[in-house]
Amino acid sequence: MTTSLIKTLLNKVLSQQFLRYLLVGGASWLVDFLVFFLTYAHIGIVPAQTVARIVGALVAFAGHKLIVFEDRQFTPQAIRQQLIQYLILWLVSYTLSIILLLGFIDLLQLHPVAAKLITEAIIIVINFVTMRRYIFASKAGA
């Protein structure tokens, strides 16, 4: 790799948008993880994952819309479209998270917390790419 290519890649990775994504994602992930951690032993893995994903998704949607992608489209049509797209993404990533979580626990015999950490790392990457390219695409390059 040339020096200019490395600098370009570093600038892209360390962009303000990416740093905001990390902060919002970290905050929503922490909320999600804490809800899961505090509830899985009491209500079971799937219910805990469900509650954690819902709470984390609410925090994440607001943060991604307003802070990461600086989306200021507040018309009913724009919000409805983004919410529908976000809900679809949420349902797909929720389903995938359950499949991965149970697979890591049942097939690989991982501890539920370790399985949760690995699962979320995978889901975070998928969600960022999807939001950047589709849901908040009008401001994704900002």
C-alpha atoms as a PDB file:
ATOM      1  CA  MET A   1       0.000   0.000   0.000  1.00  0.00           C
ATOM      2  CA  THR A   2       1.184   3.462  -0.775  1.00  0.00           C
ATOM      3  CA  THR A   3       1.444   6.115   1.890  1.00  0.00           C
ATOM      4  CA  SER A   4      -1.333   8.201   0.313  1.00  0.00           C
ATOM      5  CA  LEU A   5      -3.662   5.217   0.180  1.00  0.00           C
ATOM      6  CA  ILE A   6      -2.980   4.460   3.847  1.00  0.00           C
ATOM      7  CA  LYS A   7      -3.635   8.100   4.772  1.00  0.00           C
ATOM      8  CA  THR A   8      -6.878   8.083   2.785  1.00  0.00           C
ATOM      9  CA  LEU A   9      -8.049   4.914   4.515  1.00  0.00           C
ATOM     10  CA  LEU A  10      -7.139   6.263   7.953  1.00  0.00           C
ATOM     11  CA  ASN A  11      -8.945   9.539   7.267  1.00  0.00           C
ATOM     12  CA  LYS A  12     -12.036   7.601   6.198  1.00  0.00           C
ATOM     13  CA  VAL A  13     -11.956   5.310   9.224  1.00  0.00           C
ATOM     14  CA  LEU A  14     -11.303   8.161  11.623  1.00  0.00           C
ATOM     15  CA  SER A  15     -13.943  10.430  10.092  1.00  0.00           C
ATOM     16  CA  GLN A  16     -16.256  12.248  12.413  1.00  0.00           C
ATOM     17  CA  GLN A  17     -19.168  10.178  11.158  1.00  0.00           C
ATOM     18  CA  PHE A  18     -17.415   6.926  11.990  1.00  0.00           C
ATOM     19  CA  LEU A  19     -16.436   8.190  15.439  1.00  0.00           C
ATOM     20  CA  ARG A  20     -20.025   9.266  16.073  1.00  0.00           C
ATOM     21  CA  TYR A  21     -21.164   5.823  14.921  1.00  0.00           C
ATOM     22  CA  LEU A  22     -18.815   4.210  17.416  1.00  0.00           C
ATOM     23  CA  LEU A  23     -20.101   6.420  20.232  1.00  0.00           C
ATOM     24  CA  VAL A  24     -23.787   5.924  19.456  1.00  0.00           C
ATOM     25  CA  GLY A  25     -23.282   2.266  18.725  1.00  0.00           C
ATOM     26  CA  GLY A  26     -21.307   1.851  21.919  1.00  0.00           C
ATOM     27  CA  ALA A  27     -23.977   3.560  23.986  1.00  0.00           C
ATOM     28  CA  SER A  28     -26.830   1.566  22.477  1.00  0.00           C
ATOM     29  CA  TRP A  29     -24.805  -1.656  22.665  1.00  0.00           C
ATOM     30  CA  LEU A  30     -24.029  -0.982  26.325  1.00  0.00           C
ATOM     31  CA  VAL A  31     -27.722  -0.468  27.047  1.00  0.00           C
ATOM     32  CA  ASP A  32     -28.547  -3.658  25.120  1.00  0.00           C
ATOM     33  CA  PHE A  33     -25.790  -5.657  26.825  1.00  0.00           C
ATOM     34  CA  LEU A  34     -26.693  -4.449  30.324  1.00  0.00           C
ATOM     35  CA  VAL A  35     -30.355  -5.323  29.825  1.00  0.00           C
ATOM     36  CA  PHE A  36     -29.350  -8.785  28.566  1.00  0.00           C
ATOM     37  CA  PHE A  37     -26.806  -9.326  31.343  1.00  0.00           C
ATOM     38  CA  LEU A  38     -29.239  -8.287  34.061  1.00  0.00           C
ATOM     39  CA  THR A  39     -32.132 -10.374  32.752  1.00  0.00           C
ATOM     40  CA  TYR A  40     -30.964 -13.567  30.996  1.00  0.00           C
ATOM     41  CA  ALA A  41     -30.640 -15.636  34.192  1.00  0.00           C
ATOM     42  CA  HIS A  42     -34.102 -14.566  35.372  1.00  0.00           C
ATOM     43  CA  ILE A  43     -36.239 -14.646  32.233  1.00  0.00           C
ATOM     44  CA  GLY A  44     -34.256 -16.858  29.830  1.00  0.00           C
ATOM     45  CA  ILE A  45     -31.943 -16.180  26.932  1.00  0.00           C
ATOM     46  CA  VAL A  46     -34.487 -15.503  24.171  1.00  0.00           C
ATOM     47  CA  PRO A  47     -36.730 -13.185  26.223  1.00  0.00           C
ATOM     48  CA  ALA A  48     -33.649 -11.352  27.555  1.00  0.00           C
ATOM     49  CA  GLN A  49     -32.293 -10.951  24.030  1.00  0.00           C
ATOM     50  CA  THR A  50     -35.679  -9.667  22.858  1.00  0.00           C
ATOM     51  CA  VAL A  51     -35.959  -7.041  25.588  1.00  0.00           C
ATOM     52  CA  ALA A  52     -32.314  -6.040  25.162  1.00  0.00           C
ATOM     53  CA  ARG A  53     -32.714  -5.634  21.384  1.00  0.00           C
ATOM     54  CA  ILE A  54     -35.854  -3.505  21.719  1.00  0.00           C
ATOM     55  CA  VAL A  55     -34.334  -1.132  24.263  1.00  0.00           C
ATOM     56  CA  GLY A  56     -31.045  -0.942  22.385  1.00  0.00           C
ATOM     57  CA  ALA A  57     -32.858  -0.328  19.087  1.00  0.00           C
ATOM     58  CA  LEU A  58     -34.762   2.642  20.472  1.00  0.00           C
ATOM     59  CA  VAL A  59     -31.561   4.254  21.703  1.00  0.00           C
ATOM     60  CA  ALA A  60     -29.767   3.408  18.455  1.00  0.00           C
ATOM     61  CA  PHE A  61     -32.414   4.728  16.047  1.00  0.00           C
ATOM     62  CA  ALA A  62     -32.486   8.143  17.663  1.00  0.00           C
ATOM     63  CA  GLY A  63     -28.710   8.348  17.865  1.00  0.00           C
ATOM     64  CA  HIS A  64     -28.095   7.123  14.336  1.00  0.00           C
ATOM     65  CA  LYS A  65     -30.668   9.444  12.820  1.00  0.00           C
ATOM     66  CA  LEU A  66     -29.691  12.570  14.702  1.00  0.00           C
ATOM     67  CA  ILE A  67     -26.041  12.195  15.671  1.00  0.00           C
ATOM     68  CA  VAL A  68     -24.334   9.793  13.256  1.00  0.00           C
ATOM     69  CA  PHE A  69     -26.008  10.563   9.954  1.00  0.00           C
ATOM     70  CA  GLU A  70     -27.264  14.037  10.960  1.00  0.00           C
ATOM     71  CA  ASP A  71     -30.591  13.304   9.328  1.00  0.00           C
ATOM     72  CA  ARG A  72     -33.006  16.179   9.773  1.00  0.00           C
ATOM     73  CA  GLN A  73     -35.839  14.802   7.690  1.00  0.00           C
ATOM     74  CA  PHE A  74     -38.771  15.062  10.057  1.00  0.00           C
ATOM     75  CA  THR A  75     -41.657  14.898   7.628  1.00  0.00           C
ATOM     76  CA  PRO A  76     -44.121  12.154   8.445  1.00  0.00           C
ATOM     77  CA  GLN A  77     -43.268  10.407   5.158  1.00  0.00           C
ATOM     78  CA  ALA A  78     -39.500  10.468   5.779  1.00  0.00           C
ATOM     79  CA  ILE A  79     -39.802   9.290   9.372  1.00  0.00           C
ATOM     80  CA  ARG A  80     -42.271   6.562   8.394  1.00  0.00           C
ATOM     81  CA  GLN A  81     -39.964   5.316   5.621  1.00  0.00           C
ATOM     82  CA  GLN A  82     -36.904   5.313   7.882  1.00  0.00           C
ATOM     83  CA  LEU A  83     -38.778   3.608  10.697  1.00  0.00           C
ATOM     84  CA  ILE A  84     -40.042   0.899   8.353  1.00  0.00           C
ATOM     85  CA  GLN A  85     -36.544   0.338   6.958  1.00  0.00           C
ATOM     86  CA  TYR A  86     -35.070   0.388  10.449  1.00  0.00           C
ATOM     87  CA  LEU A  87     -37.726  -2.060  11.663  1.00  0.00           C
ATOM     88  CA  ILE A  88     -36.928  -4.423   8.790  1.00  0.00           C
ATOM     89  CA  LEU A  89     -33.219  -4.169   9.598  1.00  0.00           C
ATOM     90  CA  TRP A  90     -34.006  -4.706  13.268  1.00  0.00           C
ATOM     91  CA  LEU A  91     -36.115  -7.801  12.551  1.00  0.00           C
ATOM     92  CA  VAL A  92     -33.456  -9.301  10.299  1.00  0.00           C
ATOM     93  CA  SER A  93     -30.648  -8.554  12.752  1.00  0.00           C
ATOM     94  CA  TYR A  94     -32.764  -9.732  15.696  1.00  0.00           C
ATOM     95  CA  THR A  95     -33.481 -13.030  13.942  1.00  0.00           C
ATOM     96  CA  LEU A  96     -29.844 -13.417  12.988  1.00  0.00           C
ATOM     97  CA  SER A  97     -28.784 -12.573  16.547  1.00  0.00           C
ATOM     98  CA  ILE A  98     -31.014 -15.302  17.992  1.00  0.00           C
ATOM     99  CA  ILE A  99     -29.722 -17.847  15.476  1.00  0.00           C
ATOM    100  CA  LEU A 100     -26.100 -16.910  16.163  1.00  0.00           C
ATOM    101  CA  LEU A 101     -26.568 -16.668  19.926  1.00  0.00           C
ATOM    102  CA  LEU A 102     -28.212 -20.069  20.229  1.00  0.00           C
ATOM    103  CA  GLY A 103     -25.760 -21.582  17.751  1.00  0.00           C
ATOM    104  CA  PHE A 104     -22.779 -20.332  19.716  1.00  0.00           C
ATOM    105  CA  ILE A 105     -24.304 -21.554  22.977  1.00  0.00           C
ATOM    106  CA  ASP A 106     -25.711 -24.900  21.814  1.00  0.00           C
ATOM    107  CA  LEU A 107     -23.207 -25.914  19.137  1.00  0.00           C
ATOM    108  CA  LEU A 108     -20.002 -24.357  20.418  1.00  0.00           C
ATOM    109  CA  GLN A 109     -20.891 -24.571  24.122  1.00  0.00           C
ATOM    110  CA  LEU A 110     -19.954 -20.929  24.728  1.00  0.00           C
ATOM    111  CA  HIS A 111     -21.079 -19.091  27.847  1.00  0.00           C
ATOM    112  CA  PRO A 112     -24.134 -16.919  27.071  1.00  0.00           C
ATOM    113  CA  VAL A 113     -22.201 -13.697  27.695  1.00  0.00           C
ATOM    114  CA  ALA A 114     -19.345 -14.736  25.385  1.00  0.00           C
ATOM    115  CA  ALA A 115     -21.884 -15.783  22.754  1.00  0.00           C
ATOM    116  CA  LYS A 116     -23.585 -12.412  23.108  1.00  0.00           C
ATOM    117  CA  LEU A 117     -20.314 -10.532  22.581  1.00  0.00           C
ATOM    118  CA  ILE A 118     -19.435 -12.448  19.417  1.00  0.00           C
ATOM    119  CA  THR A 119     -22.962 -12.178  18.073  1.00  0.00           C
ATOM    120  CA  GLU A 120     -23.065  -8.429  18.582  1.00  0.00           C
ATOM    121  CA  ALA A 121     -19.727  -7.879  16.842  1.00  0.00           C
ATOM    122  CA  ILE A 122     -21.170  -9.510  13.730  1.00  0.00           C
ATOM    123  CA  ILE A 123     -24.475  -7.639  13.935  1.00  0.00           C
ATOM    124  CA  ILE A 124     -22.772  -4.238  14.408  1.00  0.00           C
ATOM    125  CA  VAL A 125     -20.924  -4.521  11.102  1.00  0.00           C
ATOM    126  CA  ILE A 126     -24.011  -5.640   9.186  1.00  0.00           C
ATOM    127  CA  ASN A 127     -26.141  -2.851  10.658  1.00  0.00           C
ATOM    128  CA  PHE A 128     -23.650  -0.051   9.953  1.00  0.00           C
ATOM    129  CA  VAL A 129     -23.300  -0.996   6.313  1.00  0.00           C
ATOM    130  CA  THR A 130     -27.055  -1.288   5.881  1.00  0.00           C
ATOM    131  CA  MET A 131     -27.822   2.044   7.569  1.00  0.00           C
ATOM    132  CA  ARG A 132     -25.098   3.869   5.682  1.00  0.00           C
ATOM    133  CA  ARG A 133     -26.089   2.514   2.282  1.00  0.00           C
ATOM    134  CA  TYR A 134     -29.875   2.376   2.595  1.00  0.00           C
ATOM    135  CA  ILE A 135     -31.653   3.867   5.593  1.00  0.00           C
ATOM    136  CA  PHE A 136     -29.771   7.144   6.047  1.00  0.00           C
ATOM    137  CA  ALA A 137     -28.075   7.195   2.634  1.00  0.00           C
ATOM    138  CA  SER A 138     -28.861  10.840   1.895  1.00  0.00           C
ATOM    139  CA  LYS A 139     -26.395  11.979   4.569  1.00  0.00           C
ATOM    140  CA  ALA A 140     -24.122   8.903   4.743  1.00  0.00           C
ATOM    141  CA  GLY A 141     -21.167  10.577   3.100  1.00  0.00           C
ATOM    142  CA  ALA A 142     -21.292  13.626   5.364  1.00  0.00           C
END
